[in-house]
């Protein structure tokens, strides 16, 4: 069995944030975390109306954040999106 298959086996924590479409089930962002890491989650949330999702882990004495982004395709809209997102990002203490 390949290493990736071994890694994917086991229990996973999933967080789904619906974002677009009239029924809110047509698209969204998902983030998955191996169940042993769930206890390390110190913060998680959604930014920019469902277009960005973050999760923060505490590993030993450091915080590590992951950001999942669904950005617009238009150059102008994407630039505006990143500016708004930058202003909305949570400030993490060290």
PDB file of N, CA and C in Angstrom:
ATOM      1  N   UNK A   1       0.845  -1.179   0.000  1.00  0.00           N
ATOM      2  CA  UNK A   1       0.000   0.000   0.000  1.00  0.00           C
ATOM      3  C   UNK A   1       0.892   1.245   0.000  1.00  0.00           C
ATOM      4  N   UNK A   2       0.535   2.225  -0.805  1.00  0.00           N
ATOM      5  CA  UNK A   2       1.359   3.429  -0.898  1.00  0.00           C
ATOM      6  C   UNK A   2       1.276   4.237   0.399  1.00  0.00           C
ATOM      7  N   UNK A   3       2.263   5.085   0.606  1.00  0.00           N
ATOM      8  CA  UNK A   3       2.290   5.920   1.814  1.00  0.00           C
ATOM      9  C   UNK A   3       1.092   6.850   1.883  1.00  0.00           C
ATOM     10  N   UNK A   4       0.660   7.388   0.743  1.00  0.00           N
ATOM     11  CA  UNK A   4      -0.482   8.296   0.745  1.00  0.00           C
ATOM     12  C   UNK A   4      -1.752   7.566   1.158  1.00  0.00           C
ATOM     13  N   UNK A   5      -1.935   6.329   0.714  1.00  0.00           N
ATOM     14  CA  UNK A   5      -3.113   5.550   1.114  1.00  0.00           C
ATOM     15  C   UNK A   5      -3.073   5.265   2.611  1.00  0.00           C
ATOM     16  N   UNK A   6      -1.923   4.958   3.145  1.00  0.00           N
ATOM     17  CA  UNK A   6      -1.794   4.727   4.584  1.00  0.00           C
ATOM     18  C   UNK A   6      -2.110   6.000   5.354  1.00  0.00           C
ATOM     19  N   UNK A   7      -1.664   7.137   4.831  1.00  0.00           N
ATOM     20  CA  UNK A   7      -1.919   8.419   5.486  1.00  0.00           C
ATOM     21  C   UNK A   7      -3.404   8.745   5.519  1.00  0.00           C
ATOM     22  N   UNK A   8      -4.114   8.436   4.439  1.00  0.00           N
ATOM     23  CA  UNK A   8      -5.524   8.795   4.343  1.00  0.00           C
ATOM     24  C   UNK A   8      -6.449   7.868   5.128  1.00  0.00           C
ATOM     25  N   UNK A   9      -5.947   6.720   5.543  1.00  0.00           N
ATOM     26  CA  UNK A   9      -6.782   5.829   6.343  1.00  0.00           C
ATOM     27  C   UNK A   9      -6.914   6.380   7.751  1.00  0.00           C
ATOM     28  N   UNK A  10      -8.013   6.092   8.378  1.00  0.00           N
ATOM     29  CA  UNK A  10      -8.232   6.552   9.746  1.00  0.00           C
ATOM     30  C   UNK A  10      -9.407   7.503   9.817  1.00  0.00           C
ATOM     31  N   UNK A  11      -9.569   8.114  10.954  1.00  0.00           N
ATOM     32  CA  UNK A  11     -10.683   9.032  11.178  1.00  0.00           C
ATOM     33  C   UNK A  11     -10.239  10.457  10.867  1.00  0.00           C
ATOM     34  N   UNK A  12     -11.132  11.209  10.229  1.00  0.00           N
ATOM     35  CA  UNK A  12     -10.842  12.581   9.840  1.00  0.00           C
ATOM     36  C   UNK A  12     -11.925  13.512  10.357  1.00  0.00           C
ATOM     37  N   UNK A  13     -11.558  14.717  10.685  1.00  0.00           N
ATOM     38  CA  UNK A  13     -12.468  15.789  11.054  1.00  0.00           C
ATOM     39  C   UNK A  13     -12.660  16.638   9.801  1.00  0.00           C
ATOM     40  N   UNK A  14     -13.901  16.883   9.409  1.00  0.00           N
ATOM     41  CA  UNK A  14     -14.194  17.687   8.235  1.00  0.00           C
ATOM     42  C   UNK A  14     -14.979  18.914   8.640  1.00  0.00           C
ATOM     43  N   UNK A  15     -14.662  20.031   8.026  1.00  0.00           N
ATOM     44  CA  UNK A  15     -15.430  21.261   8.239  1.00  0.00           C
ATOM     45  C   UNK A  15     -15.796  21.791   6.862  1.00  0.00           C
ATOM     46  N   UNK A  16     -17.073  21.944   6.600  1.00  0.00           N
ATOM     47  CA  UNK A  16     -17.574  22.397   5.303  1.00  0.00           C
ATOM     48  C   UNK A  16     -18.242  23.745   5.489  1.00  0.00           C
ATOM     49  N   UNK A  17     -17.860  24.710   4.658  1.00  0.00           N
ATOM     50  CA  UNK A  17     -18.489  26.026   4.685  1.00  0.00           C
ATOM     51  C   UNK A  17     -19.089  26.284   3.306  1.00  0.00           C
ATOM     52  N   UNK A  18     -20.418  26.272   3.206  1.00  0.00           N
ATOM     53  CA  UNK A  18     -21.043  26.571   1.914  1.00  0.00           C
ATOM     54  C   UNK A  18     -20.774  28.023   1.549  1.00  0.00           C
ATOM     55  N   UNK A  19     -20.591  28.289   0.244  1.00  0.00           N
ATOM     56  CA  UNK A  19     -20.251  29.658  -0.098  1.00  0.00           C
ATOM     57  C   UNK A  19     -21.049  30.244  -1.245  1.00  0.00           C
ATOM     58  N   UNK A  20     -21.276  29.523  -2.310  1.00  0.00           N
ATOM     59  CA  UNK A  20     -21.904  30.107  -3.486  1.00  0.00           C
ATOM     60  C   UNK A  20     -23.073  29.271  -3.959  1.00  0.00           C
ATOM     61  N   UNK A  21     -23.950  29.891  -4.726  1.00  0.00           N
ATOM     62  CA  UNK A  21     -25.088  29.181  -5.295  1.00  0.00           C
ATOM     63  C   UNK A  21     -26.343  29.451  -4.496  1.00  0.00           C
ATOM     64  N   UNK A  22     -27.481  29.406  -5.160  1.00  0.00           N
ATOM     65  CA  UNK A  22     -28.746  29.740  -4.498  1.00  0.00           C
ATOM     66  C   UNK A  22     -29.121  28.769  -3.381  1.00  0.00           C
ATOM     67  N   UNK A  23     -28.676  27.530  -3.450  1.00  0.00           N
ATOM     68  CA  UNK A  23     -29.059  26.569  -2.421  1.00  0.00           C
ATOM     69  C   UNK A  23     -27.973  26.392  -1.365  1.00  0.00           C
ATOM     70  N   UNK A  24     -26.858  27.083  -1.504  1.00  0.00           N
ATOM     71  CA  UNK A  24     -25.730  26.992  -0.578  1.00  0.00           C
ATOM     72  C   UNK A  24     -25.138  25.586  -0.509  1.00  0.00           C
ATOM     73  N   UNK A  25     -25.484  24.749  -1.478  1.00  0.00           N
ATOM     74  CA  UNK A  25     -24.896  23.407  -1.512  1.00  0.00           C
ATOM     75  C   UNK A  25     -24.149  23.171  -2.822  1.00  0.00           C
ATOM     76  N   UNK A  26     -24.123  24.178  -3.668  1.00  0.00           N
ATOM     77  CA  UNK A  26     -23.496  24.004  -4.972  1.00  0.00           C
ATOM     78  C   UNK A  26     -21.983  24.163  -4.915  1.00  0.00           C
ATOM     79  N   UNK A  27     -21.479  24.897  -3.958  1.00  0.00           N
ATOM     80  CA  UNK A  27     -20.039  25.107  -3.851  1.00  0.00           C
ATOM     81  C   UNK A  27     -19.709  25.511  -2.431  1.00  0.00           C
ATOM     82  N   UNK A  28     -18.455  25.404  -2.118  1.00  0.00           N
ATOM     83  CA  UNK A  28     -18.029  25.805  -0.790  1.00  0.00           C
ATOM     84  C   UNK A  28     -16.587  25.406  -0.565  1.00  0.00           C
ATOM     85  N   UNK A  29     -16.136  25.558   0.655  1.00  0.00           N
ATOM     86  CA  UNK A  29     -14.771  25.214   1.025  1.00  0.00           C
ATOM     87  C   UNK A  29     -14.808  24.117   2.071  1.00  0.00           C
ATOM     88  N   UNK A  30     -13.923  23.175   1.910  1.00  0.00           N
ATOM     89  CA  UNK A  30     -13.825  22.096   2.892  1.00  0.00           C
ATOM     90  C   UNK A  30     -12.396  22.044   3.409  1.00  0.00           C
ATOM     91  N   UNK A  31     -12.272  21.690   4.661  1.00  0.00           N
ATOM     92  CA  UNK A  31     -10.957  21.485   5.243  1.00  0.00           C
ATOM     93  C   UNK A  31     -11.027  20.201   6.048  1.00  0.00           C
ATOM     94  N   UNK A  32     -10.021  19.372   5.907  1.00  0.00           N
ATOM     95  CA  UNK A  32     -10.007  18.087   6.605  1.00  0.00           C
ATOM     96  C   UNK A  32      -8.771  18.016   7.484  1.00  0.00           C
ATOM     97  N   UNK A  33      -8.939  17.394   8.629  1.00  0.00           N
ATOM     98  CA  UNK A  33      -7.859  17.288   9.597  1.00  0.00           C
ATOM     99  C   UNK A  33      -7.890  15.883  10.192  1.00  0.00           C
ATOM    100  N   UNK A  34      -6.740  15.246  10.248  1.00  0.00           N
ATOM    101  CA  UNK A  34      -6.662  13.923  10.852  1.00  0.00           C
ATOM    102  C   UNK A  34      -7.121  14.014  12.302  1.00  0.00           C
ATOM    103  N   UNK A  35      -7.897  13.054  12.771  1.00  0.00           N
ATOM    104  CA  UNK A  35      -8.543  13.158  14.081  1.00  0.00           C
ATOM    105  C   UNK A  35      -7.569  13.393  15.233  1.00  0.00           C
ATOM    106  N   UNK A  36      -6.351  12.916  15.130  1.00  0.00           N
ATOM    107  CA  UNK A  36      -5.382  13.136  16.210  1.00  0.00           C
ATOM    108  C   UNK A  36      -4.956  14.599  16.307  1.00  0.00           C
ATOM    109  N   UNK A  37      -5.176  15.374  15.252  1.00  0.00           N
ATOM    110  CA  UNK A  37      -4.818  16.789  15.248  1.00  0.00           C
ATOM    111  C   UNK A  37      -5.953  17.679  15.744  1.00  0.00           C
ATOM    112  N   UNK A  38      -7.156  17.156  15.858  1.00  0.00           N
ATOM    113  CA  UNK A  38      -8.310  17.969  16.262  1.00  0.00           C
ATOM    114  C   UNK A  38      -8.073  18.632  17.613  1.00  0.00           C
ATOM    115  N   UNK A  39      -7.449  17.929  18.535  1.00  0.00           N
ATOM    116  CA  UNK A  39      -7.176  18.501  19.863  1.00  0.00           C
ATOM    117  C   UNK A  39      -6.208  19.679  19.785  1.00  0.00           C
ATOM    118  N   UNK A  40      -5.481  19.807  18.682  1.00  0.00           N
ATOM    119  CA  UNK A  40      -4.514  20.891  18.526  1.00  0.00           C
ATOM    120  C   UNK A  40      -5.123  22.155  17.917  1.00  0.00           C
ATOM    121  N   UNK A  41      -6.379  22.067  17.460  1.00  0.00           N
ATOM    122  CA  UNK A  41      -7.037  23.225  16.846  1.00  0.00           C
ATOM    123  C   UNK A  41      -7.364  24.247  17.933  1.00  0.00           C
ATOM    124  N   UNK A  42      -6.898  25.492  17.740  1.00  0.00           N
ATOM    125  CA  UNK A  42      -7.195  26.562  18.699  1.00  0.00           C
ATOM    126  C   UNK A  42      -8.128  27.612  18.118  1.00  0.00           C
ATOM    127  N   UNK A  43      -8.293  27.624  16.804  1.00  0.00           N
ATOM    128  CA  UNK A  43      -9.204  28.579  16.181  1.00  0.00           C
ATOM    129  C   UNK A  43      -9.506  28.108  14.762  1.00  0.00           C
ATOM    130  N   UNK A  44     -10.692  28.441  14.279  1.00  0.00           N
ATOM    131  CA  UNK A  44     -11.066  28.158  12.893  1.00  0.00           C
ATOM    132  C   UNK A  44     -12.209  29.082  12.537  1.00  0.00           C
ATOM    133  N   UNK A  45     -12.351  29.374  11.270  1.00  0.00           N
ATOM    134  CA  UNK A  45     -13.426  30.254  10.880  1.00  0.00           C
ATOM    135  C   UNK A  45     -13.470  30.509   9.394  1.00  0.00           C
ATOM    136  N   UNK A  46     -14.380  31.373   9.024  1.00  0.00           N
ATOM    137  CA  UNK A  46     -14.651  31.707   7.641  1.00  0.00           C
ATOM    138  C   UNK A  46     -14.474  33.217   7.470  1.00  0.00           C
ATOM    139  N   UNK A  47     -13.877  33.603   6.352  1.00  0.00           N
ATOM    140  CA  UNK A  47     -13.662  35.011   6.035  1.00  0.00           C
ATOM    141  C   UNK A  47     -14.210  35.311   4.652  1.00  0.00           C
ATOM    142  N   UNK A  48     -14.497  36.555   4.404  1.00  0.00           N
ATOM    143  CA  UNK A  48     -14.925  37.030   3.091  1.00  0.00           C
ATOM    144  C   UNK A  48     -16.117  36.265   2.532  1.00  0.00           C
ATOM    145  N   UNK A  49     -17.152  36.142   3.318  1.00  0.00           N
ATOM    146  CA  UNK A  49     -18.403  35.563   2.837  1.00  0.00           C
ATOM    147  C   UNK A  49     -18.284  34.163   2.283  1.00  0.00           C
ATOM    148  N   UNK A  50     -17.457  33.338   2.902  1.00  0.00           N
ATOM    149  CA  UNK A  50     -17.332  31.958   2.475  1.00  0.00           C
ATOM    150  C   UNK A  50     -16.264  31.722   1.427  1.00  0.00           C
ATOM    151  N   UNK A  51     -15.483  32.730   1.108  1.00  0.00           N
ATOM    152  CA  UNK A  51     -14.437  32.553   0.098  1.00  0.00           C
ATOM    153  C   UNK A  51     -13.085  32.211   0.704  1.00  0.00           C
ATOM    154  N   UNK A  52     -12.985  32.262   2.001  1.00  0.00           N
ATOM    155  CA  UNK A  52     -11.720  31.915   2.656  1.00  0.00           C
ATOM    156  C   UNK A  52     -12.040  31.268   3.995  1.00  0.00           C
ATOM    157  N   UNK A  53     -11.299  30.239   4.305  1.00  0.00           N
ATOM    158  CA  UNK A  53     -11.504  29.483   5.532  1.00  0.00           C
ATOM    159  C   UNK A  53     -10.133  29.274   6.161  1.00  0.00           C
ATOM    160  N   UNK A  54     -10.064  29.474   7.478  1.00  0.00           N
ATOM    161  CA  UNK A  54      -8.777  29.285   8.145  1.00  0.00           C
ATOM    162  C   UNK A  54      -8.911  28.309   9.301  1.00  0.00           C
ATOM    163  N   UNK A  55      -7.782  27.725   9.655  1.00  0.00           N
ATOM    164  CA  UNK A  55      -7.702  26.839  10.811  1.00  0.00           C
ATOM    165  C   UNK A  55      -6.323  27.074  11.440  1.00  0.00           C
ATOM    166  N   UNK A  56      -6.288  27.164  12.757  1.00  0.00           N
ATOM    167  CA  UNK A  56      -5.042  27.424  13.474  1.00  0.00           C
ATOM    168  C   UNK A  56      -4.797  26.283  14.453  1.00  0.00           C
ATOM    169  N   UNK A  57      -3.592  25.731  14.396  1.00  0.00           N
ATOM    170  CA  UNK A  57      -3.170  24.668  15.294  1.00  0.00           C
ATOM    171  C   UNK A  57      -2.120  25.204  16.255  1.00  0.00           C
ATOM    172  N   UNK A  58      -2.063  24.652  17.442  1.00  0.00           N
ATOM    173  CA  UNK A  58      -0.972  24.948  18.358  1.00  0.00           C
ATOM    174  C   UNK A  58      -0.103  23.703  18.427  1.00  0.00           C
ATOM    175  N   UNK A  59       1.113  23.832  17.910  1.00  0.00           N
ATOM    176  CA  UNK A  59       2.077  22.735  17.893  1.00  0.00           C
ATOM    177  C   UNK A  59       3.206  23.095  18.840  1.00  0.00           C
ATOM    178  N   UNK A  60       3.326  22.348  19.903  1.00  0.00           N
ATOM    179  CA  UNK A  60       4.253  22.661  20.989  1.00  0.00           C
ATOM    180  C   UNK A  60       3.921  24.073  21.480  1.00  0.00           C
ATOM    181  N   UNK A  61       4.788  25.026  21.337  1.00  0.00           N
ATOM    182  CA  UNK A  61       4.495  26.384  21.807  1.00  0.00           C
ATOM    183  C   UNK A  61       4.261  27.362  20.669  1.00  0.00           C
ATOM    184  N   UNK A  62       4.118  26.863  19.450  1.00  0.00           N
ATOM    185  CA  UNK A  62       3.924  27.739  18.291  1.00  0.00           C
ATOM    186  C   UNK A  62       2.560  27.505  17.671  1.00  0.00           C
ATOM    187  N   UNK A  63       2.002  28.573  17.083  1.00  0.00           N
ATOM    188  CA  UNK A  63       0.751  28.462  16.347  1.00  0.00           C
ATOM    189  C   UNK A  63       1.055  28.392  14.857  1.00  0.00           C
ATOM    190  N   UNK A  64       0.347  27.490  14.183  1.00  0.00           N
ATOM    191  CA  UNK A  64       0.493  27.314  12.746  1.00  0.00           C
ATOM    192  C   UNK A  64      -0.892  27.471  12.127  1.00  0.00           C
ATOM    193  N   UNK A  65      -0.993  28.358  11.166  1.00  0.00           N
ATOM    194  CA  UNK A  65      -2.279  28.604  10.528  1.00  0.00           C
ATOM    195  C   UNK A  65      -2.289  28.154   9.082  1.00  0.00           C
ATOM    196  N   UNK A  66      -3.440  27.649   8.652  1.00  0.00           N
ATOM    197  CA  UNK A  66      -3.658  27.271   7.261  1.00  0.00           C
ATOM    198  C   UNK A  66      -4.836  28.082   6.737  1.00  0.00           C
ATOM    199  N   UNK A  67      -4.719  28.539   5.515  1.00  0.00           N
ATOM    200  CA  UNK A  67      -5.764  29.338   4.897  1.00  0.00           C
ATOM    201  C   UNK A  67      -6.157  28.681   3.576  1.00  0.00           C
ATOM    202  N   UNK A  68      -7.434  28.403   3.407  1.00  0.00           N
ATOM    203  CA  UNK A  68      -7.991  27.811   2.190  1.00  0.00           C
ATOM    204  C   UNK A  68      -8.785  28.907   1.496  1.00  0.00           C
ATOM    205  N   UNK A  69      -8.428  29.221   0.235  1.00  0.00           N
ATOM    206  CA  UNK A  69      -9.009  30.382  -0.442  1.00  0.00           C
ATOM    207  C   UNK A  69      -9.658  29.981  -1.765  1.00  0.00           C
ATOM    208  N   UNK A  70     -10.811  30.571  -2.016  1.00  0.00           N
ATOM    209  CA  UNK A  70     -11.491  30.465  -3.305  1.00  0.00           C
ATOM    210  C   UNK A  70     -11.602  31.893  -3.835  1.00  0.00           C
ATOM    211  N   UNK A  71     -10.651  32.309  -4.660  1.00  0.00           N
ATOM    212  CA  UNK A  71     -10.573  33.694  -5.129  1.00  0.00           C
ATOM    213  C   UNK A  71     -11.228  33.853  -6.497  1.00  0.00           C
ATOM    214  N   UNK A  72     -11.724  35.055  -6.790  1.00  0.00           N
ATOM    215  CA  UNK A  72     -12.324  35.314  -8.099  1.00  0.00           C
ATOM    216  C   UNK A  72     -11.309  35.165  -9.233  1.00  0.00           C
ATOM    217  N   UNK A  73     -11.801  34.898 -10.451  1.00  0.00           N
ATOM    218  CA  UNK A  73     -10.935  34.769 -11.619  1.00  0.00           C
ATOM    219  C   UNK A  73     -10.568  36.109 -12.238  1.00  0.00           C
ATOM    220  N   UNK A  74     -11.423  37.092 -12.097  1.00  0.00           N
ATOM    221  CA  UNK A  74     -11.163  38.414 -12.655  1.00  0.00           C
ATOM    222  C   UNK A  74      -9.990  39.068 -11.907  1.00  0.00           C
ATOM    223  N   UNK A  75      -9.037  39.609 -12.654  1.00  0.00           N
ATOM    224  CA  UNK A  75      -7.864  40.238 -12.043  1.00  0.00           C
ATOM    225  C   UNK A  75      -8.268  41.359 -11.104  1.00  0.00           C
ATOM    226  N   UNK A  76      -9.175  42.227 -11.520  1.00  0.00           N
ATOM    227  CA  UNK A  76      -9.614  43.352 -10.688  1.00  0.00           C
ATOM    228  C   UNK A  76     -10.321  42.851  -9.429  1.00  0.00           C
ATOM    229  N   UNK A  77     -11.255  41.920  -9.599  1.00  0.00           N
ATOM    230  CA  UNK A  77     -11.989  41.383  -8.446  1.00  0.00           C
ATOM    231  C   UNK A  77     -11.062  40.621  -7.510  1.00  0.00           C
ATOM    232  N   UNK A  78     -10.083  39.896  -8.074  1.00  0.00           N
ATOM    233  CA  UNK A  78      -9.137  39.141  -7.252  1.00  0.00           C
ATOM    234  C   UNK A  78      -8.273  40.091  -6.418  1.00  0.00           C
ATOM    235  N   UNK A  79      -7.823  41.190  -7.009  1.00  0.00           N
ATOM    236  CA  UNK A  79      -7.015  42.180  -6.274  1.00  0.00           C
ATOM    237  C   UNK A  79      -7.831  42.778  -5.130  1.00  0.00           C
ATOM    238  N   UNK A  80      -9.083  43.117  -5.392  1.00  0.00           N
ATOM    239  CA  UNK A  80      -9.957  43.654  -4.341  1.00  0.00           C
ATOM    240  C   UNK A  80     -10.183  42.617  -3.245  1.00  0.00           C
ATOM    241  N   UNK A  81     -10.394  41.378  -3.662  1.00  0.00           N
ATOM    242  CA  UNK A  81     -10.613  40.296  -2.705  1.00  0.00           C
ATOM    243  C   UNK A  81      -9.422  40.148  -1.766  1.00  0.00           C
ATOM    244  N   UNK A  82      -8.183  40.108  -2.324  1.00  0.00           N
ATOM    245  CA  UNK A  82      -6.991  39.924  -1.490  1.00  0.00           C
ATOM    246  C   UNK A  82      -6.796  41.092  -0.534  1.00  0.00           C
ATOM    247  N   UNK A  83      -7.101  42.302  -0.968  1.00  0.00           N
ATOM    248  CA  UNK A  83      -6.990  43.468  -0.071  1.00  0.00           C
ATOM    249  C   UNK A  83      -7.972  43.349   1.088  1.00  0.00           C
ATOM    250  N   UNK A  84      -9.214  42.993   0.781  1.00  0.00           N
ATOM    251  CA  UNK A  84     -10.220  42.826   1.838  1.00  0.00           C
ATOM    252  C   UNK A  84      -9.839  41.677   2.769  1.00  0.00           C
ATOM    253  N   UNK A  85      -9.372  40.574   2.186  1.00  0.00           N
ATOM    254  CA  UNK A  85      -8.994  39.420   2.994  1.00  0.00           C
ATOM    255  C   UNK A  85      -7.844  39.775   3.936  1.00  0.00           C
ATOM    256  N   UNK A  86      -6.846  40.475   3.431  1.00  0.00           N
ATOM    257  CA  UNK A  86      -5.697  40.873   4.255  1.00  0.00           C
ATOM    258  C   UNK A  86      -6.159  41.659   5.484  1.00  0.00           C
ATOM    259  N   UNK A  87      -7.128  42.544   5.292  1.00  0.00           N
ATOM    260  CA  UNK A  87      -7.636  43.354   6.402  1.00  0.00           C
ATOM    261  C   UNK A  87      -8.463  42.541   7.387  1.00  0.00           C
ATOM    262  N   UNK A  88      -9.040  41.423   6.937  1.00  0.00           N
ATOM    263  CA  UNK A  88      -9.894  40.590   7.795  1.00  0.00           C
ATOM    264  C   UNK A  88      -9.160  39.475   8.510  1.00  0.00           C
ATOM    265  N   UNK A  89      -7.909  39.204   8.121  1.00  0.00           N
ATOM    266  CA  UNK A  89      -7.182  38.086   8.740  1.00  0.00           C
ATOM    267  C   UNK A  89      -7.004  38.318  10.232  1.00  0.00           C
ATOM    268  N   UNK A  90      -7.219  37.279  11.025  1.00  0.00           N
ATOM    269  CA  UNK A  90      -7.037  37.435  12.475  1.00  0.00           C
ATOM    270  C   UNK A  90      -5.563  37.623  12.815  1.00  0.00           C
ATOM    271  N   UNK A  91      -5.323  38.437  13.812  1.00  0.00           N
ATOM    272  CA  UNK A  91      -3.951  38.647  14.282  1.00  0.00           C
ATOM    273  C   UNK A  91      -3.631  37.551  15.293  1.00  0.00           C
ATOM    274  N   UNK A  92      -2.541  36.855  15.062  1.00  0.00           N
ATOM    275  CA  UNK A  92      -2.164  35.767  15.978  1.00  0.00           C
ATOM    276  C   UNK A  92      -1.023  36.238  16.863  1.00  0.00           C
ATOM    277  N   UNK A  93      -1.154  35.986  18.156  1.00  0.00           N
ATOM    278  CA  UNK A  93      -0.041  36.260  19.054  1.00  0.00           C
ATOM    279  C   UNK A  93       0.944  35.113  18.963  1.00  0.00           C
ATOM    280  N   UNK A  94       2.190  35.383  19.253  1.00  0.00           N
ATOM    281  CA  UNK A  94       3.232  34.347  19.128  1.00  0.00           C
ATOM    282  C   UNK A  94       3.371  33.590  20.391  1.00  0.00           C
TER     283      UNK A  94
END
